[in-house]
N, C-alpha and C. Protein backbone atom coordinates (compact mmCIF):
# COMPACT_ATOMS: atom_id res chain seq x y z
N MET A 1 58.13 30.43 -209.30
CA MET A 1 56.77 29.96 -209.43
C MET A 1 55.93 31.12 -209.97
N SER A 2 54.97 30.79 -210.82
CA SER A 2 54.14 31.83 -211.43
C SER A 2 53.18 32.43 -210.40
N ASP A 3 52.81 33.69 -210.66
CA ASP A 3 51.86 34.37 -209.77
C ASP A 3 50.51 33.66 -209.75
N ALA A 4 50.07 33.19 -210.92
CA ALA A 4 48.77 32.50 -210.98
C ALA A 4 48.79 31.23 -210.13
N ARG A 5 49.90 30.48 -210.17
CA ARG A 5 49.99 29.26 -209.37
C ARG A 5 50.05 29.62 -207.88
N ASN A 6 50.77 30.68 -207.52
CA ASN A 6 50.81 31.12 -206.13
C ASN A 6 49.41 31.42 -205.61
N ILE A 7 48.63 32.13 -206.41
CA ILE A 7 47.27 32.49 -206.01
C ILE A 7 46.41 31.24 -205.87
N GLN A 8 46.54 30.32 -206.83
CA GLN A 8 45.77 29.08 -206.78
C GLN A 8 46.13 28.26 -205.54
N ILE A 9 47.42 28.11 -205.26
CA ILE A 9 47.85 27.33 -204.10
C ILE A 9 47.37 27.98 -202.80
N ALA A 10 47.47 29.31 -202.71
CA ALA A 10 47.02 30.01 -201.50
C ALA A 10 45.53 29.80 -201.28
N ALA A 11 44.74 29.87 -202.34
CA ALA A 11 43.29 29.68 -202.22
C ALA A 11 42.96 28.26 -201.80
N LEU A 12 43.64 27.28 -202.39
CA LEU A 12 43.40 25.88 -202.02
C LEU A 12 43.82 25.60 -200.58
N ALA A 13 44.93 26.17 -200.16
CA ALA A 13 45.39 25.99 -198.78
C ALA A 13 44.40 26.60 -197.80
N GLU A 14 43.89 27.78 -198.13
CA GLU A 14 42.91 28.43 -197.27
C GLU A 14 41.64 27.59 -197.17
N GLN A 15 41.18 27.04 -198.29
CA GLN A 15 39.99 26.19 -198.27
C GLN A 15 40.23 24.94 -197.42
N ALA A 16 41.41 24.35 -197.55
CA ALA A 16 41.74 23.17 -196.73
C ALA A 16 41.69 23.52 -195.25
N GLU A 17 42.27 24.67 -194.90
CA GLU A 17 42.25 25.09 -193.49
C GLU A 17 40.83 25.35 -193.02
N ASP A 18 40.00 25.95 -193.89
CA ASP A 18 38.59 26.19 -193.54
C ASP A 18 37.86 24.87 -193.28
N ASP A 19 38.27 23.82 -194.00
CA ASP A 19 37.66 22.51 -193.84
C ASP A 19 38.36 21.69 -192.75
N TYR A 20 39.28 22.32 -192.01
CA TYR A 20 40.04 21.68 -190.93
C TYR A 20 40.89 20.52 -191.43
N LEU A 21 41.46 20.68 -192.62
CA LEU A 21 42.32 19.65 -193.19
C LEU A 21 43.73 20.18 -193.33
N ASP A 22 44.70 19.30 -193.17
CA ASP A 22 46.09 19.64 -193.47
C ASP A 22 46.30 19.44 -194.96
N HIS A 23 47.41 19.97 -195.48
CA HIS A 23 47.69 19.77 -196.89
C HIS A 23 49.18 19.61 -197.13
N GLY A 24 49.51 19.03 -198.26
CA GLY A 24 50.90 18.84 -198.67
C GLY A 24 50.96 18.68 -200.18
N PHE A 25 52.17 18.51 -200.69
CA PHE A 25 52.41 18.38 -202.12
C PHE A 25 53.20 17.10 -202.38
N ARG A 26 52.78 16.35 -203.40
CA ARG A 26 53.42 15.07 -203.71
C ARG A 26 53.70 14.99 -205.20
N PHE A 27 54.86 14.43 -205.55
CA PHE A 27 55.16 14.12 -206.94
C PHE A 27 54.58 12.75 -207.25
N VAL A 28 53.92 12.64 -208.39
CA VAL A 28 53.33 11.37 -208.84
C VAL A 28 53.97 11.03 -210.19
N ASP A 29 54.54 9.86 -210.27
CA ASP A 29 55.12 9.39 -211.53
C ASP A 29 53.99 8.86 -212.38
N GLY A 30 53.45 9.70 -213.24
CA GLY A 30 52.29 9.35 -214.05
C GLY A 30 51.27 10.47 -213.92
N SER A 31 50.05 10.12 -213.58
CA SER A 31 49.01 11.13 -213.47
C SER A 31 48.10 10.84 -212.29
N ALA A 32 47.35 11.86 -211.92
CA ALA A 32 46.34 11.73 -210.86
C ALA A 32 45.27 12.77 -211.16
N ALA A 33 44.08 12.52 -210.70
CA ALA A 33 42.96 13.43 -210.94
C ALA A 33 42.43 13.98 -209.62
N VAL A 34 41.86 15.17 -209.68
CA VAL A 34 41.23 15.75 -208.50
C VAL A 34 40.17 14.77 -208.00
N GLY A 35 40.19 14.53 -206.71
CA GLY A 35 39.27 13.58 -206.09
C GLY A 35 39.86 12.21 -205.85
N ASP A 36 40.99 11.90 -206.53
CA ASP A 36 41.64 10.61 -206.29
C ASP A 36 42.12 10.51 -204.85
N GLU A 37 41.99 9.33 -204.27
CA GLU A 37 42.57 9.06 -202.96
C GLU A 37 43.87 8.31 -203.20
N LEU A 38 44.96 8.80 -202.63
CA LEU A 38 46.26 8.19 -202.85
C LEU A 38 46.52 7.07 -201.85
N ALA A 39 47.17 6.04 -202.33
CA ALA A 39 47.52 4.90 -201.48
C ALA A 39 48.56 5.31 -200.45
N VAL A 40 48.63 4.56 -199.38
CA VAL A 40 49.67 4.81 -198.38
C VAL A 40 51.03 4.47 -198.98
N SER A 41 52.06 5.11 -198.48
CA SER A 41 53.42 4.88 -198.96
C SER A 41 54.04 3.68 -198.26
N TRP A 42 55.07 3.13 -198.88
CA TRP A 42 55.79 1.99 -198.34
C TRP A 42 57.15 2.46 -197.83
N SER A 43 57.51 2.08 -196.62
CA SER A 43 58.81 2.41 -196.05
C SER A 43 59.79 1.29 -196.36
N GLU A 44 60.77 1.57 -197.22
CA GLU A 44 61.80 0.58 -197.53
C GLU A 44 62.65 0.28 -196.29
N GLU A 45 62.95 1.33 -195.52
CA GLU A 45 63.79 1.18 -194.33
C GLU A 45 63.14 0.26 -193.28
N GLU A 46 61.84 0.44 -193.09
CA GLU A 46 61.14 -0.31 -192.05
C GLU A 46 60.38 -1.52 -192.61
N GLU A 47 60.37 -1.65 -193.94
CA GLU A 47 59.69 -2.74 -194.63
C GLU A 47 58.24 -2.90 -194.17
N ARG A 48 57.51 -1.78 -194.24
CA ARG A 48 56.09 -1.80 -193.87
C ARG A 48 55.38 -0.61 -194.49
N GLU A 49 54.05 -0.69 -194.51
CA GLU A 49 53.26 0.45 -194.97
C GLU A 49 53.36 1.57 -193.94
N MET A 50 53.35 2.79 -194.43
CA MET A 50 53.40 3.95 -193.53
C MET A 50 51.97 4.31 -193.11
N ALA A 51 51.84 5.29 -192.24
CA ALA A 51 50.53 5.70 -191.73
C ALA A 51 49.76 6.55 -192.73
N GLY A 52 50.35 6.81 -193.88
CA GLY A 52 49.70 7.63 -194.90
C GLY A 52 50.60 7.77 -196.11
N THR A 53 50.37 8.82 -196.86
CA THR A 53 51.09 9.10 -198.10
C THR A 53 52.21 10.10 -197.84
N CYS A 54 53.40 9.82 -198.36
CA CYS A 54 54.51 10.77 -198.24
C CYS A 54 54.22 12.00 -199.09
N ALA A 55 54.54 13.17 -198.56
CA ALA A 55 54.34 14.43 -199.27
C ALA A 55 55.35 15.44 -198.73
N PHE A 56 55.37 16.61 -199.32
CA PHE A 56 56.21 17.70 -198.83
C PHE A 56 55.32 18.83 -198.32
N GLU A 57 55.86 19.62 -197.42
CA GLU A 57 55.09 20.71 -196.83
C GLU A 57 54.84 21.85 -197.81
N THR A 58 55.79 22.11 -198.72
CA THR A 58 55.67 23.27 -199.61
C THR A 58 55.85 22.90 -201.07
N TRP A 59 55.34 23.78 -201.92
CA TRP A 59 55.52 23.64 -203.37
C TRP A 59 57.02 23.63 -203.71
N GLU A 60 57.78 24.52 -203.11
CA GLU A 60 59.20 24.63 -203.42
C GLU A 60 59.94 23.33 -203.14
N GLN A 61 59.59 22.67 -202.05
CA GLN A 61 60.25 21.41 -201.69
C GLN A 61 59.94 20.31 -202.70
N VAL A 62 58.69 20.16 -203.09
CA VAL A 62 58.34 19.11 -204.04
C VAL A 62 58.88 19.43 -205.43
N ALA A 63 58.89 20.70 -205.81
CA ALA A 63 59.42 21.08 -207.12
C ALA A 63 60.92 20.79 -207.20
N GLU A 64 61.64 21.01 -206.11
CA GLU A 64 63.06 20.69 -206.07
C GLU A 64 63.26 19.18 -206.16
N TYR A 65 62.46 18.42 -205.44
CA TYR A 65 62.53 16.96 -205.45
C TYR A 65 62.27 16.41 -206.86
N ALA A 66 61.33 17.02 -207.59
CA ALA A 66 60.93 16.53 -208.90
C ALA A 66 61.53 17.32 -210.06
N LYS A 67 62.59 18.08 -209.80
CA LYS A 67 63.09 19.01 -210.82
C LYS A 67 63.53 18.34 -212.12
N HIS A 68 63.94 17.09 -212.10
CA HIS A 68 64.37 16.40 -213.32
C HIS A 68 63.35 15.37 -213.78
N SER A 69 62.12 15.46 -213.27
CA SER A 69 61.10 14.44 -213.53
C SER A 69 59.96 14.98 -214.38
N THR A 70 59.24 14.05 -214.99
CA THR A 70 57.99 14.37 -215.66
C THR A 70 56.90 13.58 -214.95
N GLY A 71 55.68 14.03 -215.09
CA GLY A 71 54.57 13.41 -214.39
C GLY A 71 53.67 14.48 -213.83
N ALA A 72 53.34 14.38 -212.55
CA ALA A 72 52.43 15.34 -211.94
C ALA A 72 52.87 15.69 -210.52
N ILE A 73 52.63 16.93 -210.17
CA ILE A 73 52.69 17.34 -208.77
C ILE A 73 51.25 17.55 -208.35
N VAL A 74 50.88 16.96 -207.22
CA VAL A 74 49.52 17.09 -206.74
C VAL A 74 49.52 17.74 -205.37
N MET A 75 48.47 18.52 -205.12
CA MET A 75 48.23 19.04 -203.78
C MET A 75 47.21 18.10 -203.16
N ILE A 76 47.51 17.63 -201.94
CA ILE A 76 46.62 16.69 -201.26
C ILE A 76 46.16 17.29 -199.93
N THR A 77 45.00 16.85 -199.50
CA THR A 77 44.52 17.19 -198.17
C THR A 77 44.34 15.91 -197.38
N GLY A 78 44.30 16.04 -196.09
CA GLY A 78 44.14 14.90 -195.19
C GLY A 78 44.57 15.32 -193.80
N ALA A 79 45.18 14.42 -193.07
CA ALA A 79 45.67 14.72 -191.72
C ALA A 79 47.16 14.38 -191.66
N ILE A 80 47.97 15.34 -191.24
CA ILE A 80 49.40 15.09 -191.10
C ILE A 80 49.62 14.21 -189.88
N GLU A 81 50.22 13.04 -190.12
CA GLU A 81 50.46 12.08 -189.04
C GLU A 81 51.80 12.35 -188.34
N HIS A 82 52.84 12.59 -189.12
CA HIS A 82 54.17 12.88 -188.58
C HIS A 82 55.09 13.27 -189.71
N SER A 83 56.33 13.61 -189.40
CA SER A 83 57.29 13.96 -190.44
C SER A 83 57.86 12.69 -191.06
N GLY A 84 58.42 12.85 -192.27
CA GLY A 84 59.01 11.72 -192.97
C GLY A 84 60.52 11.71 -192.81
N HIS A 85 61.19 10.96 -193.67
CA HIS A 85 62.64 10.80 -193.59
C HIS A 85 63.40 11.94 -194.27
N LEU A 86 62.81 12.56 -195.30
CA LEU A 86 63.48 13.64 -196.03
C LEU A 86 63.16 14.98 -195.40
N ALA A 87 64.02 15.96 -195.62
CA ALA A 87 63.78 17.31 -195.11
C ALA A 87 62.47 17.85 -195.71
N GLY A 88 61.58 18.32 -194.87
CA GLY A 88 60.31 18.88 -195.32
C GLY A 88 59.25 17.85 -195.66
N GLU A 89 59.56 16.57 -195.47
CA GLU A 89 58.61 15.51 -195.81
C GLU A 89 57.64 15.29 -194.66
N ILE A 90 56.38 15.06 -195.02
CA ILE A 90 55.33 14.77 -194.05
C ILE A 90 54.58 13.52 -194.51
N ILE A 91 53.88 12.89 -193.59
CA ILE A 91 53.05 11.74 -193.90
C ILE A 91 51.59 12.17 -193.70
N VAL A 92 50.79 12.08 -194.77
CA VAL A 92 49.41 12.55 -194.75
C VAL A 92 48.48 11.35 -194.88
N SER A 93 47.63 11.15 -193.86
CA SER A 93 46.65 10.06 -193.93
C SER A 93 45.40 10.54 -194.66
N ASP A 94 44.68 9.59 -195.23
CA ASP A 94 43.45 9.89 -195.98
C ASP A 94 43.70 10.96 -197.04
N ALA A 95 44.81 10.80 -197.78
CA ALA A 95 45.24 11.80 -198.76
C ALA A 95 44.33 11.82 -199.98
N THR A 96 43.74 12.98 -200.24
CA THR A 96 42.86 13.18 -201.39
C THR A 96 43.42 14.32 -202.24
N VAL A 97 43.48 14.10 -203.56
CA VAL A 97 44.01 15.10 -204.49
C VAL A 97 43.01 16.23 -204.65
N VAL A 98 43.50 17.48 -204.46
CA VAL A 98 42.63 18.65 -204.65
C VAL A 98 43.09 19.52 -205.82
N ALA A 99 44.30 19.29 -206.33
CA ALA A 99 44.80 20.03 -207.50
C ALA A 99 45.95 19.27 -208.12
N THR A 100 46.13 19.43 -209.43
CA THR A 100 47.24 18.77 -210.13
C THR A 100 47.93 19.74 -211.08
N TRP A 101 49.23 19.53 -211.24
CA TRP A 101 50.04 20.25 -212.22
C TRP A 101 50.89 19.21 -212.91
N THR A 102 50.97 19.24 -214.23
CA THR A 102 51.70 18.22 -214.97
C THR A 102 52.71 18.85 -215.92
N ARG A 103 53.61 18.01 -216.40
CA ARG A 103 54.51 18.39 -217.48
C ARG A 103 55.01 17.13 -218.17
N GLU A 104 55.21 17.25 -219.48
CA GLU A 104 55.67 16.11 -220.27
C GLU A 104 57.17 16.12 -220.46
N ASN A 105 57.81 17.28 -220.35
CA ASN A 105 59.26 17.40 -220.52
C ASN A 105 59.85 18.03 -219.28
N ALA A 106 60.99 17.53 -218.82
CA ALA A 106 61.61 18.01 -217.58
C ALA A 106 61.99 19.49 -217.66
N ASN A 107 62.15 20.05 -218.84
CA ASN A 107 62.50 21.47 -218.98
C ASN A 107 61.29 22.39 -218.96
N ASP A 108 60.08 21.83 -219.05
CA ASP A 108 58.85 22.63 -219.05
C ASP A 108 58.49 23.06 -217.63
N ASP A 109 57.69 24.10 -217.54
CA ASP A 109 57.14 24.52 -216.25
C ASP A 109 55.96 23.61 -215.91
N TRP A 110 55.65 23.48 -214.64
CA TRP A 110 54.48 22.70 -214.21
C TRP A 110 53.24 23.50 -214.55
N ALA A 111 52.32 22.91 -215.30
CA ALA A 111 51.10 23.64 -215.72
C ALA A 111 49.85 22.86 -215.34
């Protein structure tokens, strides 16, 4: 991960903590804008809406999950409700996008 992105993520995480919000990272197939509120996720296993949006705890986890994908990785804030089904996955209620990184080709870096 680039030093500039590390600094940006650290600053955003600190701001979220100052605002008493939890944060996570989510891959979005397509695009999202800062300020967007993300819809709750659907549980295929339980056939119902979840308590919030699925996300990962760290940049590294979401980048690994999306390593062969194009679209966007977003940092979201909200309240962590509980862990998800995947390793490092969390469920974030009232998920609001606070930063986005996109790429058009799977071999490109997230920018």
